[in-house]
Amino acid sequence: GAPLLDVAGVTVRFGGIVALDQVSF
């Protein structure tokens, strides 16, 4: 019953730009 894909708190920055901010699903 576990999900196939689990994204938890993903953050990506390019210099001062935050492209992803704590994304979870």
PDBML (XML) file of the C-alpha atoms, coordinates in Angstrom:
<?xml version="1.0" encoding="UTF-8" ?>
<PDBx:datablock datablockName="MODEL"
   xmlns:PDBx="http://pdbml.pdb.org/schema/pdbx-v50.xsd"
   xmlns:xsi="http://www.w3.org/2001/XMLSchema-instance"
   xsi:schemaLocation="http://pdbml.pdb.org/schema/pdbx-v50.xsd pdbx-v50.xsd">
   <PDBx:atom_siteCategory>
      <PDBx:atom_site id="1">
         <PDBx:B_iso_or_equiv>0.00</PDBx:B_iso_or_equiv>
         <PDBx:Cartn_x>0.000</PDBx:Cartn_x>
         <PDBx:Cartn_y>0.000</PDBx:Cartn_y>
         <PDBx:Cartn_z>0.000</PDBx:Cartn_z>
         <PDBx:auth_asym_id>A</PDBx:auth_asym_id>
         <PDBx:auth_atom_id>CA</PDBx:auth_atom_id>
         <PDBx:auth_comp_id>GLY</PDBx:auth_comp_id>
         <PDBx:auth_seq_id>1</PDBx:auth_seq_id>
         <PDBx:group_PDB>ATOM</PDBx:group_PDB>
         <PDBx:label_alt_id xsi:nil="true" />
         <PDBx:label_asym_id>A</PDBx:label_asym_id>
         <PDBx:label_atom_id>CA</PDBx:label_atom_id>
         <PDBx:label_comp_id>GLY</PDBx:label_comp_id>
         <PDBx:label_entity_id>1</PDBx:label_entity_id>
         <PDBx:label_seq_id>1</PDBx:label_seq_id>
         <PDBx:occupancy>1.00</PDBx:occupancy>
         <PDBx:pdbx_PDB_model_num>1</PDBx:pdbx_PDB_model_num>
         <PDBx:type_symbol>C</PDBx:type_symbol>
      </PDBx:atom_site>
      <PDBx:atom_site id="2">
         <PDBx:B_iso_or_equiv>0.00</PDBx:B_iso_or_equiv>
         <PDBx:Cartn_x>3.020</PDBx:Cartn_x>
         <PDBx:Cartn_y>2.329</PDBx:Cartn_y>
         <PDBx:Cartn_z>0.039</PDBx:Cartn_z>
         <PDBx:auth_asym_id>A</PDBx:auth_asym_id>
         <PDBx:auth_atom_id>CA</PDBx:auth_atom_id>
         <PDBx:auth_comp_id>ALA</PDBx:auth_comp_id>
         <PDBx:auth_seq_id>2</PDBx:auth_seq_id>
         <PDBx:group_PDB>ATOM</PDBx:group_PDB>
         <PDBx:label_alt_id xsi:nil="true" />
         <PDBx:label_asym_id>A</PDBx:label_asym_id>
         <PDBx:label_atom_id>CA</PDBx:label_atom_id>
         <PDBx:label_comp_id>ALA</PDBx:label_comp_id>
         <PDBx:label_entity_id>1</PDBx:label_entity_id>
         <PDBx:label_seq_id>2</PDBx:label_seq_id>
         <PDBx:occupancy>1.00</PDBx:occupancy>
         <PDBx:pdbx_PDB_model_num>1</PDBx:pdbx_PDB_model_num>
         <PDBx:type_symbol>C</PDBx:type_symbol>
      </PDBx:atom_site>
      <PDBx:atom_site id="3">
         <PDBx:B_iso_or_equiv>0.00</PDBx:B_iso_or_equiv>
         <PDBx:Cartn_x>3.137</PDBx:Cartn_x>
         <PDBx:Cartn_y>4.975</PDBx:Cartn_y>
         <PDBx:Cartn_z>-2.716</PDBx:Cartn_z>
         <PDBx:auth_asym_id>A</PDBx:auth_asym_id>
         <PDBx:auth_atom_id>CA</PDBx:auth_atom_id>
         <PDBx:auth_comp_id>PRO</PDBx:auth_comp_id>
         <PDBx:auth_seq_id>3</PDBx:auth_seq_id>
         <PDBx:group_PDB>ATOM</PDBx:group_PDB>
         <PDBx:label_alt_id xsi:nil="true" />
         <PDBx:label_asym_id>A</PDBx:label_asym_id>
         <PDBx:label_atom_id>CA</PDBx:label_atom_id>
         <PDBx:label_comp_id>PRO</PDBx:label_comp_id>
         <PDBx:label_entity_id>1</PDBx:label_entity_id>
         <PDBx:label_seq_id>3</PDBx:label_seq_id>
         <PDBx:occupancy>1.00</PDBx:occupancy>
         <PDBx:pdbx_PDB_model_num>1</PDBx:pdbx_PDB_model_num>
         <PDBx:type_symbol>C</PDBx:type_symbol>
      </PDBx:atom_site>
      <PDBx:atom_site id="4">
         <PDBx:B_iso_or_equiv>0.00</PDBx:B_iso_or_equiv>
         <PDBx:Cartn_x>5.317</PDBx:Cartn_x>
         <PDBx:Cartn_y>4.277</PDBx:Cartn_y>
         <PDBx:Cartn_z>-5.736</PDBx:Cartn_z>
         <PDBx:auth_asym_id>A</PDBx:auth_asym_id>
         <PDBx:auth_atom_id>CA</PDBx:auth_atom_id>
         <PDBx:auth_comp_id>LEU</PDBx:auth_comp_id>
         <PDBx:auth_seq_id>4</PDBx:auth_seq_id>
         <PDBx:group_PDB>ATOM</PDBx:group_PDB>
         <PDBx:label_alt_id xsi:nil="true" />
         <PDBx:label_asym_id>A</PDBx:label_asym_id>
         <PDBx:label_atom_id>CA</PDBx:label_atom_id>
         <PDBx:label_comp_id>LEU</PDBx:label_comp_id>
         <PDBx:label_entity_id>1</PDBx:label_entity_id>
         <PDBx:label_seq_id>4</PDBx:label_seq_id>
         <PDBx:occupancy>1.00</PDBx:occupancy>
         <PDBx:pdbx_PDB_model_num>1</PDBx:pdbx_PDB_model_num>
         <PDBx:type_symbol>C</PDBx:type_symbol>
      </PDBx:atom_site>
      <PDBx:atom_site id="5">
         <PDBx:B_iso_or_equiv>0.00</PDBx:B_iso_or_equiv>
         <PDBx:Cartn_x>6.781</PDBx:Cartn_x>
         <PDBx:Cartn_y>7.778</PDBx:Cartn_y>
         <PDBx:Cartn_z>-5.519</PDBx:Cartn_z>
         <PDBx:auth_asym_id>A</PDBx:auth_asym_id>
         <PDBx:auth_atom_id>CA</PDBx:auth_atom_id>
         <PDBx:auth_comp_id>LEU</PDBx:auth_comp_id>
         <PDBx:auth_seq_id>5</PDBx:auth_seq_id>
         <PDBx:group_PDB>ATOM</PDBx:group_PDB>
         <PDBx:label_alt_id xsi:nil="true" />
         <PDBx:label_asym_id>A</PDBx:label_asym_id>
         <PDBx:label_atom_id>CA</PDBx:label_atom_id>
         <PDBx:label_comp_id>LEU</PDBx:label_comp_id>
         <PDBx:label_entity_id>1</PDBx:label_entity_id>
         <PDBx:label_seq_id>5</PDBx:label_seq_id>
         <PDBx:occupancy>1.00</PDBx:occupancy>
         <PDBx:pdbx_PDB_model_num>1</PDBx:pdbx_PDB_model_num>
         <PDBx:type_symbol>C</PDBx:type_symbol>
      </PDBx:atom_site>
      <PDBx:atom_site id="6">
         <PDBx:B_iso_or_equiv>0.00</PDBx:B_iso_or_equiv>
         <PDBx:Cartn_x>7.162</PDBx:Cartn_x>
         <PDBx:Cartn_y>9.862</PDBx:Cartn_y>
         <PDBx:Cartn_z>-2.363</PDBx:Cartn_z>
         <PDBx:auth_asym_id>A</PDBx:auth_asym_id>
         <PDBx:auth_atom_id>CA</PDBx:auth_atom_id>
         <PDBx:auth_comp_id>ASP</PDBx:auth_comp_id>
         <PDBx:auth_seq_id>6</PDBx:auth_seq_id>
         <PDBx:group_PDB>ATOM</PDBx:group_PDB>
         <PDBx:label_alt_id xsi:nil="true" />
         <PDBx:label_asym_id>A</PDBx:label_asym_id>
         <PDBx:label_atom_id>CA</PDBx:label_atom_id>
         <PDBx:label_comp_id>ASP</PDBx:label_comp_id>
         <PDBx:label_entity_id>1</PDBx:label_entity_id>
         <PDBx:label_seq_id>6</PDBx:label_seq_id>
         <PDBx:occupancy>1.00</PDBx:occupancy>
         <PDBx:pdbx_PDB_model_num>1</PDBx:pdbx_PDB_model_num>
         <PDBx:type_symbol>C</PDBx:type_symbol>
      </PDBx:atom_site>
      <PDBx:atom_site id="7">
         <PDBx:B_iso_or_equiv>0.00</PDBx:B_iso_or_equiv>
         <PDBx:Cartn_x>8.476</PDBx:Cartn_x>
         <PDBx:Cartn_y>13.428</PDBx:Cartn_y>
         <PDBx:Cartn_z>-2.603</PDBx:Cartn_z>
         <PDBx:auth_asym_id>A</PDBx:auth_asym_id>
         <PDBx:auth_atom_id>CA</PDBx:auth_atom_id>
         <PDBx:auth_comp_id>VAL</PDBx:auth_comp_id>
         <PDBx:auth_seq_id>7</PDBx:auth_seq_id>
         <PDBx:group_PDB>ATOM</PDBx:group_PDB>
         <PDBx:label_alt_id xsi:nil="true" />
         <PDBx:label_asym_id>A</PDBx:label_asym_id>
         <PDBx:label_atom_id>CA</PDBx:label_atom_id>
         <PDBx:label_comp_id>VAL</PDBx:label_comp_id>
         <PDBx:label_entity_id>1</PDBx:label_entity_id>
         <PDBx:label_seq_id>7</PDBx:label_seq_id>
         <PDBx:occupancy>1.00</PDBx:occupancy>
         <PDBx:pdbx_PDB_model_num>1</PDBx:pdbx_PDB_model_num>
         <PDBx:type_symbol>C</PDBx:type_symbol>
      </PDBx:atom_site>
      <PDBx:atom_site id="8">
         <PDBx:B_iso_or_equiv>0.00</PDBx:B_iso_or_equiv>
         <PDBx:Cartn_x>9.186</PDBx:Cartn_x>
         <PDBx:Cartn_y>14.922</PDBx:Cartn_y>
         <PDBx:Cartn_z>0.837</PDBx:Cartn_z>
         <PDBx:auth_asym_id>A</PDBx:auth_asym_id>
         <PDBx:auth_atom_id>CA</PDBx:auth_atom_id>
         <PDBx:auth_comp_id>ALA</PDBx:auth_comp_id>
         <PDBx:auth_seq_id>8</PDBx:auth_seq_id>
         <PDBx:group_PDB>ATOM</PDBx:group_PDB>
         <PDBx:label_alt_id xsi:nil="true" />
         <PDBx:label_asym_id>A</PDBx:label_asym_id>
         <PDBx:label_atom_id>CA</PDBx:label_atom_id>
         <PDBx:label_comp_id>ALA</PDBx:label_comp_id>
         <PDBx:label_entity_id>1</PDBx:label_entity_id>
         <PDBx:label_seq_id>8</PDBx:label_seq_id>
         <PDBx:occupancy>1.00</PDBx:occupancy>
         <PDBx:pdbx_PDB_model_num>1</PDBx:pdbx_PDB_model_num>
         <PDBx:type_symbol>C</PDBx:type_symbol>
      </PDBx:atom_site>
      <PDBx:atom_site id="9">
         <PDBx:B_iso_or_equiv>0.00</PDBx:B_iso_or_equiv>
         <PDBx:Cartn_x>10.245</PDBx:Cartn_x>
         <PDBx:Cartn_y>18.507</PDBx:Cartn_y>
         <PDBx:Cartn_z>1.541</PDBx:Cartn_z>
         <PDBx:auth_asym_id>A</PDBx:auth_asym_id>
         <PDBx:auth_atom_id>CA</PDBx:auth_atom_id>
         <PDBx:auth_comp_id>GLY</PDBx:auth_comp_id>
         <PDBx:auth_seq_id>9</PDBx:auth_seq_id>
         <PDBx:group_PDB>ATOM</PDBx:group_PDB>
         <PDBx:label_alt_id xsi:nil="true" />
         <PDBx:label_asym_id>A</PDBx:label_asym_id>
         <PDBx:label_atom_id>CA</PDBx:label_atom_id>
         <PDBx:label_comp_id>GLY</PDBx:label_comp_id>
         <PDBx:label_entity_id>1</PDBx:label_entity_id>
         <PDBx:label_seq_id>9</PDBx:label_seq_id>
         <PDBx:occupancy>1.00</PDBx:occupancy>
         <PDBx:pdbx_PDB_model_num>1</PDBx:pdbx_PDB_model_num>
         <PDBx:type_symbol>C</PDBx:type_symbol>
      </PDBx:atom_site>
      <PDBx:atom_site id="10">
         <PDBx:B_iso_or_equiv>0.00</PDBx:B_iso_or_equiv>
         <PDBx:Cartn_x>12.229</PDBx:Cartn_x>
         <PDBx:Cartn_y>18.968</PDBx:Cartn_y>
         <PDBx:Cartn_z>-1.671</PDBx:Cartn_z>
         <PDBx:auth_asym_id>A</PDBx:auth_asym_id>
         <PDBx:auth_atom_id>CA</PDBx:auth_atom_id>
         <PDBx:auth_comp_id>VAL</PDBx:auth_comp_id>
         <PDBx:auth_seq_id>10</PDBx:auth_seq_id>
         <PDBx:group_PDB>ATOM</PDBx:group_PDB>
         <PDBx:label_alt_id xsi:nil="true" />
         <PDBx:label_asym_id>A</PDBx:label_asym_id>
         <PDBx:label_atom_id>CA</PDBx:label_atom_id>
         <PDBx:label_comp_id>VAL</PDBx:label_comp_id>
         <PDBx:label_entity_id>1</PDBx:label_entity_id>
         <PDBx:label_seq_id>10</PDBx:label_seq_id>
         <PDBx:occupancy>1.00</PDBx:occupancy>
         <PDBx:pdbx_PDB_model_num>1</PDBx:pdbx_PDB_model_num>
         <PDBx:type_symbol>C</PDBx:type_symbol>
      </PDBx:atom_site>
      <PDBx:atom_site id="11">
         <PDBx:B_iso_or_equiv>0.00</PDBx:B_iso_or_equiv>
         <PDBx:Cartn_x>13.946</PDBx:Cartn_x>
         <PDBx:Cartn_y>22.348</PDBx:Cartn_y>
         <PDBx:Cartn_z>-1.990</PDBx:Cartn_z>
         <PDBx:auth_asym_id>A</PDBx:auth_asym_id>
         <PDBx:auth_atom_id>CA</PDBx:auth_atom_id>
         <PDBx:auth_comp_id>THR</PDBx:auth_comp_id>
         <PDBx:auth_seq_id>11</PDBx:auth_seq_id>
         <PDBx:group_PDB>ATOM</PDBx:group_PDB>
         <PDBx:label_alt_id xsi:nil="true" />
         <PDBx:label_asym_id>A</PDBx:label_asym_id>
         <PDBx:label_atom_id>CA</PDBx:label_atom_id>
         <PDBx:label_comp_id>THR</PDBx:label_comp_id>
         <PDBx:label_entity_id>1</PDBx:label_entity_id>
         <PDBx:label_seq_id>11</PDBx:label_seq_id>
         <PDBx:occupancy>1.00</PDBx:occupancy>
         <PDBx:pdbx_PDB_model_num>1</PDBx:pdbx_PDB_model_num>
         <PDBx:type_symbol>C</PDBx:type_symbol>
      </PDBx:atom_site>
      <PDBx:atom_site id="12">
         <PDBx:B_iso_or_equiv>0.00</PDBx:B_iso_or_equiv>
         <PDBx:Cartn_x>15.989</PDBx:Cartn_x>
         <PDBx:Cartn_y>23.533</PDBx:Cartn_y>
         <PDBx:Cartn_z>-4.974</PDBx:Cartn_z>
         <PDBx:auth_asym_id>A</PDBx:auth_asym_id>
         <PDBx:auth_atom_id>CA</PDBx:auth_atom_id>
         <PDBx:auth_comp_id>VAL</PDBx:auth_comp_id>
         <PDBx:auth_seq_id>12</PDBx:auth_seq_id>
         <PDBx:group_PDB>ATOM</PDBx:group_PDB>
         <PDBx:label_alt_id xsi:nil="true" />
         <PDBx:label_asym_id>A</PDBx:label_asym_id>
         <PDBx:label_atom_id>CA</PDBx:label_atom_id>
         <PDBx:label_comp_id>VAL</PDBx:label_comp_id>
         <PDBx:label_entity_id>1</PDBx:label_entity_id>
         <PDBx:label_seq_id>12</PDBx:label_seq_id>
         <PDBx:occupancy>1.00</PDBx:occupancy>
         <PDBx:pdbx_PDB_model_num>1</PDBx:pdbx_PDB_model_num>
         <PDBx:type_symbol>C</PDBx:type_symbol>
      </PDBx:atom_site>
      <PDBx:atom_site id="13">
         <PDBx:B_iso_or_equiv>0.00</PDBx:B_iso_or_equiv>
         <PDBx:Cartn_x>17.734</PDBx:Cartn_x>
         <PDBx:Cartn_y>26.901</PDBx:Cartn_y>
         <PDBx:Cartn_z>-5.234</PDBx:Cartn_z>
         <PDBx:auth_asym_id>A</PDBx:auth_asym_id>
         <PDBx:auth_atom_id>CA</PDBx:auth_atom_id>
         <PDBx:auth_comp_id>ARG</PDBx:auth_comp_id>
         <PDBx:auth_seq_id>13</PDBx:auth_seq_id>
         <PDBx:group_PDB>ATOM</PDBx:group_PDB>
         <PDBx:label_alt_id xsi:nil="true" />
         <PDBx:label_asym_id>A</PDBx:label_asym_id>
         <PDBx:label_atom_id>CA</PDBx:label_atom_id>
         <PDBx:label_comp_id>ARG</PDBx:label_comp_id>
         <PDBx:label_entity_id>1</PDBx:label_entity_id>
         <PDBx:label_seq_id>13</PDBx:label_seq_id>
         <PDBx:occupancy>1.00</PDBx:occupancy>
         <PDBx:pdbx_PDB_model_num>1</PDBx:pdbx_PDB_model_num>
         <PDBx:type_symbol>C</PDBx:type_symbol>
      </PDBx:atom_site>
      <PDBx:atom_site id="14">
         <PDBx:B_iso_or_equiv>0.00</PDBx:B_iso_or_equiv>
         <PDBx:Cartn_x>19.540</PDBx:Cartn_x>
         <PDBx:Cartn_y>28.475</PDBx:Cartn_y>
         <PDBx:Cartn_z>-8.159</PDBx:Cartn_z>
         <PDBx:auth_asym_id>A</PDBx:auth_asym_id>
         <PDBx:auth_atom_id>CA</PDBx:auth_atom_id>
         <PDBx:auth_comp_id>PHE</PDBx:auth_comp_id>
         <PDBx:auth_seq_id>14</PDBx:auth_seq_id>
         <PDBx:group_PDB>ATOM</PDBx:group_PDB>
         <PDBx:label_alt_id xsi:nil="true" />
         <PDBx:label_asym_id>A</PDBx:label_asym_id>
         <PDBx:label_atom_id>CA</PDBx:label_atom_id>
         <PDBx:label_comp_id>PHE</PDBx:label_comp_id>
         <PDBx:label_entity_id>1</PDBx:label_entity_id>
         <PDBx:label_seq_id>14</PDBx:label_seq_id>
         <PDBx:occupancy>1.00</PDBx:occupancy>
         <PDBx:pdbx_PDB_model_num>1</PDBx:pdbx_PDB_model_num>
         <PDBx:type_symbol>C</PDBx:type_symbol>
      </PDBx:atom_site>
      <PDBx:atom_site id="15">
         <PDBx:B_iso_or_equiv>0.00</PDBx:B_iso_or_equiv>
         <PDBx:Cartn_x>21.558</PDBx:Cartn_x>
         <PDBx:Cartn_y>31.254</PDBx:Cartn_y>
         <PDBx:Cartn_z>-6.560</PDBx:Cartn_z>
         <PDBx:auth_asym_id>A</PDBx:auth_asym_id>
         <PDBx:auth_atom_id>CA</PDBx:auth_atom_id>
         <PDBx:auth_comp_id>GLY</PDBx:auth_comp_id>
         <PDBx:auth_seq_id>15</PDBx:auth_seq_id>
         <PDBx:group_PDB>ATOM</PDBx:group_PDB>
         <PDBx:label_alt_id xsi:nil="true" />
         <PDBx:label_asym_id>A</PDBx:label_asym_id>
         <PDBx:label_atom_id>CA</PDBx:label_atom_id>
         <PDBx:label_comp_id>GLY</PDBx:label_comp_id>
         <PDBx:label_entity_id>1</PDBx:label_entity_id>
         <PDBx:label_seq_id>15</PDBx:label_seq_id>
         <PDBx:occupancy>1.00</PDBx:occupancy>
         <PDBx:pdbx_PDB_model_num>1</PDBx:pdbx_PDB_model_num>
         <PDBx:type_symbol>C</PDBx:type_symbol>
      </PDBx:atom_site>
      <PDBx:atom_site id="16">
         <PDBx:B_iso_or_equiv>0.00</PDBx:B_iso_or_equiv>
         <PDBx:Cartn_x>19.008</PDBx:Cartn_x>
         <PDBx:Cartn_y>33.501</PDBx:Cartn_y>
         <PDBx:Cartn_z>-4.874</PDBx:Cartn_z>
         <PDBx:auth_asym_id>A</PDBx:auth_asym_id>
         <PDBx:auth_atom_id>CA</PDBx:auth_atom_id>
         <PDBx:auth_comp_id>GLY</PDBx:auth_comp_id>
         <PDBx:auth_seq_id>16</PDBx:auth_seq_id>
         <PDBx:group_PDB>ATOM</PDBx:group_PDB>
         <PDBx:label_alt_id xsi:nil="true" />
         <PDBx:label_asym_id>A</PDBx:label_asym_id>
         <PDBx:label_atom_id>CA</PDBx:label_atom_id>
         <PDBx:label_comp_id>GLY</PDBx:label_comp_id>
         <PDBx:label_entity_id>1</PDBx:label_entity_id>
         <PDBx:label_seq_id>16</PDBx:label_seq_id>
         <PDBx:occupancy>1.00</PDBx:occupancy>
         <PDBx:pdbx_PDB_model_num>1</PDBx:pdbx_PDB_model_num>
         <PDBx:type_symbol>C</PDBx:type_symbol>
      </PDBx:atom_site>
      <PDBx:atom_site id="17">
         <PDBx:B_iso_or_equiv>0.00</PDBx:B_iso_or_equiv>
         <PDBx:Cartn_x>16.060</PDBx:Cartn_x>
         <PDBx:Cartn_y>31.976</PDBx:Cartn_y>
         <PDBx:Cartn_z>-6.738</PDBx:Cartn_z>
         <PDBx:auth_asym_id>A</PDBx:auth_asym_id>
         <PDBx:auth_atom_id>CA</PDBx:auth_atom_id>
         <PDBx:auth_comp_id>ILE</PDBx:auth_comp_id>
         <PDBx:auth_seq_id>17</PDBx:auth_seq_id>
         <PDBx:group_PDB>ATOM</PDBx:group_PDB>
         <PDBx:label_alt_id xsi:nil="true" />
         <PDBx:label_asym_id>A</PDBx:label_asym_id>
         <PDBx:label_atom_id>CA</PDBx:label_atom_id>
         <PDBx:label_comp_id>ILE</PDBx:label_comp_id>
         <PDBx:label_entity_id>1</PDBx:label_entity_id>
         <PDBx:label_seq_id>17</PDBx:label_seq_id>
         <PDBx:occupancy>1.00</PDBx:occupancy>
         <PDBx:pdbx_PDB_model_num>1</PDBx:pdbx_PDB_model_num>
         <PDBx:type_symbol>C</PDBx:type_symbol>
      </PDBx:atom_site>
      <PDBx:atom_site id="18">
         <PDBx:B_iso_or_equiv>0.00</PDBx:B_iso_or_equiv>
         <PDBx:Cartn_x>14.017</PDBx:Cartn_x>
         <PDBx:Cartn_y>29.325</PDBx:Cartn_y>
         <PDBx:Cartn_z>-4.940</PDBx:Cartn_z>
         <PDBx:auth_asym_id>A</PDBx:auth_asym_id>
         <PDBx:auth_atom_id>CA</PDBx:auth_atom_id>
         <PDBx:auth_comp_id>VAL</PDBx:auth_comp_id>
         <PDBx:auth_seq_id>18</PDBx:auth_seq_id>
         <PDBx:group_PDB>ATOM</PDBx:group_PDB>
         <PDBx:label_alt_id xsi:nil="true" />
         <PDBx:label_asym_id>A</PDBx:label_asym_id>
         <PDBx:label_atom_id>CA</PDBx:label_atom_id>
         <PDBx:label_comp_id>VAL</PDBx:label_comp_id>
         <PDBx:label_entity_id>1</PDBx:label_entity_id>
         <PDBx:label_seq_id>18</PDBx:label_seq_id>
         <PDBx:occupancy>1.00</PDBx:occupancy>
         <PDBx:pdbx_PDB_model_num>1</PDBx:pdbx_PDB_model_num>
         <PDBx:type_symbol>C</PDBx:type_symbol>
      </PDBx:atom_site>
      <PDBx:atom_site id="19">
         <PDBx:B_iso_or_equiv>0.00</PDBx:B_iso_or_equiv>
         <PDBx:Cartn_x>12.781</PDBx:Cartn_x>
         <PDBx:Cartn_y>26.984</PDBx:Cartn_y>
         <PDBx:Cartn_z>-7.683</PDBx:Cartn_z>
         <PDBx:auth_asym_id>A</PDBx:auth_asym_id>
         <PDBx:auth_atom_id>CA</PDBx:auth_atom_id>
         <PDBx:auth_comp_id>ALA</PDBx:auth_comp_id>
         <PDBx:auth_seq_id>19</PDBx:auth_seq_id>
         <PDBx:group_PDB>ATOM</PDBx:group_PDB>
         <PDBx:label_alt_id xsi:nil="true" />
         <PDBx:label_asym_id>A</PDBx:label_asym_id>
         <PDBx:label_atom_id>CA</PDBx:label_atom_id>
         <PDBx:label_comp_id>ALA</PDBx:label_comp_id>
         <PDBx:label_entity_id>1</PDBx:label_entity_id>
         <PDBx:label_seq_id>19</PDBx:label_seq_id>
         <PDBx:occupancy>1.00</PDBx:occupancy>
         <PDBx:pdbx_PDB_model_num>1</PDBx:pdbx_PDB_model_num>
         <PDBx:type_symbol>C</PDBx:type_symbol>
      </PDBx:atom_site>
      <PDBx:atom_site id="20">
         <PDBx:B_iso_or_equiv>0.00</PDBx:B_iso_or_equiv>
         <PDBx:Cartn_x>11.185</PDBx:Cartn_x>
         <PDBx:Cartn_y>24.474</PDBx:Cartn_y>
         <PDBx:Cartn_z>-5.287</PDBx:Cartn_z>
         <PDBx:auth_asym_id>A</PDBx:auth_asym_id>
         <PDBx:auth_atom_id>CA</PDBx:auth_atom_id>
         <PDBx:auth_comp_id>LEU</PDBx:auth_comp_id>
         <PDBx:auth_seq_id>20</PDBx:auth_seq_id>
         <PDBx:group_PDB>ATOM</PDBx:group_PDB>
         <PDBx:label_alt_id xsi:nil="true" />
         <PDBx:label_asym_id>A</PDBx:label_asym_id>
         <PDBx:label_atom_id>CA</PDBx:label_atom_id>
         <PDBx:label_comp_id>LEU</PDBx:label_comp_id>
         <PDBx:label_entity_id>1</PDBx:label_entity_id>
         <PDBx:label_seq_id>20</PDBx:label_seq_id>
         <PDBx:occupancy>1.00</PDBx:occupancy>
         <PDBx:pdbx_PDB_model_num>1</PDBx:pdbx_PDB_model_num>
         <PDBx:type_symbol>C</PDBx:type_symbol>
      </PDBx:atom_site>
      <PDBx:atom_site id="21">
         <PDBx:B_iso_or_equiv>0.00</PDBx:B_iso_or_equiv>
         <PDBx:Cartn_x>10.298</PDBx:Cartn_x>
         <PDBx:Cartn_y>25.251</PDBx:Cartn_y>
         <PDBx:Cartn_z>-1.676</PDBx:Cartn_z>
         <PDBx:auth_asym_id>A</PDBx:auth_asym_id>
         <PDBx:auth_atom_id>CA</PDBx:auth_atom_id>
         <PDBx:auth_comp_id>ASP</PDBx:auth_comp_id>
         <PDBx:auth_seq_id>21</PDBx:auth_seq_id>
         <PDBx:group_PDB>ATOM</PDBx:group_PDB>
         <PDBx:label_alt_id xsi:nil="true" />
         <PDBx:label_asym_id>A</PDBx:label_asym_id>
         <PDBx:label_atom_id>CA</PDBx:label_atom_id>
         <PDBx:label_comp_id>ASP</PDBx:label_comp_id>
         <PDBx:label_entity_id>1</PDBx:label_entity_id>
         <PDBx:label_seq_id>21</PDBx:label_seq_id>
         <PDBx:occupancy>1.00</PDBx:occupancy>
         <PDBx:pdbx_PDB_model_num>1</PDBx:pdbx_PDB_model_num>
         <PDBx:type_symbol>C</PDBx:type_symbol>
      </PDBx:atom_site>
      <PDBx:atom_site id="22">
         <PDBx:B_iso_or_equiv>0.00</PDBx:B_iso_or_equiv>
         <PDBx:Cartn_x>9.619</PDBx:Cartn_x>
         <PDBx:Cartn_y>22.283</PDBx:Cartn_y>
         <PDBx:Cartn_z>0.628</PDBx:Cartn_z>
         <PDBx:auth_asym_id>A</PDBx:auth_asym_id>
         <PDBx:auth_atom_id>CA</PDBx:auth_atom_id>
         <PDBx:auth_comp_id>GLN</PDBx:auth_comp_id>
         <PDBx:auth_seq_id>22</PDBx:auth_seq_id>
         <PDBx:group_PDB>ATOM</PDBx:group_PDB>
         <PDBx:label_alt_id xsi:nil="true" />
         <PDBx:label_asym_id>A</PDBx:label_asym_id>
         <PDBx:label_atom_id>CA</PDBx:label_atom_id>
         <PDBx:label_comp_id>GLN</PDBx:label_comp_id>
         <PDBx:label_entity_id>1</PDBx:label_entity_id>
         <PDBx:label_seq_id>22</PDBx:label_seq_id>
         <PDBx:occupancy>1.00</PDBx:occupancy>
         <PDBx:pdbx_PDB_model_num>1</PDBx:pdbx_PDB_model_num>
         <PDBx:type_symbol>C</PDBx:type_symbol>
      </PDBx:atom_site>
      <PDBx:atom_site id="23">
         <PDBx:B_iso_or_equiv>0.00</PDBx:B_iso_or_equiv>
         <PDBx:Cartn_x>7.500</PDBx:Cartn_x>
         <PDBx:Cartn_y>20.442</PDBx:Cartn_y>
         <PDBx:Cartn_z>-1.957</PDBx:Cartn_z>
         <PDBx:auth_asym_id>A</PDBx:auth_asym_id>
         <PDBx:auth_atom_id>CA</PDBx:auth_atom_id>
         <PDBx:auth_comp_id>VAL</PDBx:auth_comp_id>
         <PDBx:auth_seq_id>23</PDBx:auth_seq_id>
         <PDBx:group_PDB>ATOM</PDBx:group_PDB>
         <PDBx:label_alt_id xsi:nil="true" />
         <PDBx:label_asym_id>A</PDBx:label_asym_id>
         <PDBx:label_atom_id>CA</PDBx:label_atom_id>
         <PDBx:label_comp_id>VAL</PDBx:label_comp_id>
         <PDBx:label_entity_id>1</PDBx:label_entity_id>
         <PDBx:label_seq_id>23</PDBx:label_seq_id>
         <PDBx:occupancy>1.00</PDBx:occupancy>
         <PDBx:pdbx_PDB_model_num>1</PDBx:pdbx_PDB_model_num>
         <PDBx:type_symbol>C</PDBx:type_symbol>
      </PDBx:atom_site>
      <PDBx:atom_site id="24">
         <PDBx:B_iso_or_equiv>0.00</PDBx:B_iso_or_equiv>
         <PDBx:Cartn_x>5.872</PDBx:Cartn_x>
         <PDBx:Cartn_y>17.218</PDBx:Cartn_y>
         <PDBx:Cartn_z>-0.728</PDBx:Cartn_z>
         <PDBx:auth_asym_id>A</PDBx:auth_asym_id>
         <PDBx:auth_atom_id>CA</PDBx:auth_atom_id>
         <PDBx:auth_comp_id>SER</PDBx:auth_comp_id>
         <PDBx:auth_seq_id>24</PDBx:auth_seq_id>
         <PDBx:group_PDB>ATOM</PDBx:group_PDB>
         <PDBx:label_alt_id xsi:nil="true" />
         <PDBx:label_asym_id>A</PDBx:label_asym_id>
         <PDBx:label_atom_id>CA</PDBx:label_atom_id>
         <PDBx:label_comp_id>SER</PDBx:label_comp_id>
         <PDBx:label_entity_id>1</PDBx:label_entity_id>
         <PDBx:label_seq_id>24</PDBx:label_seq_id>
         <PDBx:occupancy>1.00</PDBx:occupancy>
         <PDBx:pdbx_PDB_model_num>1</PDBx:pdbx_PDB_model_num>
         <PDBx:type_symbol>C</PDBx:type_symbol>
      </PDBx:atom_site>
      <PDBx:atom_site id="25">
         <PDBx:B_iso_or_equiv>0.00</PDBx:B_iso_or_equiv>
         <PDBx:Cartn_x>3.399</PDBx:Cartn_x>
         <PDBx:Cartn_y>14.812</PDBx:Cartn_y>
         <PDBx:Cartn_z>-2.336</PDBx:Cartn_z>
         <PDBx:auth_asym_id>A</PDBx:auth_asym_id>
         <PDBx:auth_atom_id>CA</PDBx:auth_atom_id>
         <PDBx:auth_comp_id>PHE</PDBx:auth_comp_id>
         <PDBx:auth_seq_id>25</PDBx:auth_seq_id>
         <PDBx:group_PDB>ATOM</PDBx:group_PDB>
         <PDBx:label_alt_id xsi:nil="true" />
         <PDBx:label_asym_id>A</PDBx:label_asym_id>
         <PDBx:label_atom_id>CA</PDBx:label_atom_id>
         <PDBx:label_comp_id>PHE</PDBx:label_comp_id>
         <PDBx:label_entity_id>1</PDBx:label_entity_id>
         <PDBx:label_seq_id>25</PDBx:label_seq_id>
         <PDBx:occupancy>1.00</PDBx:occupancy>
         <PDBx:pdbx_PDB_model_num>1</PDBx:pdbx_PDB_model_num>
         <PDBx:type_symbol>C</PDBx:type_symbol>
      </PDBx:atom_site>
   </PDBx:atom_siteCategory>
</PDBx:datablock>
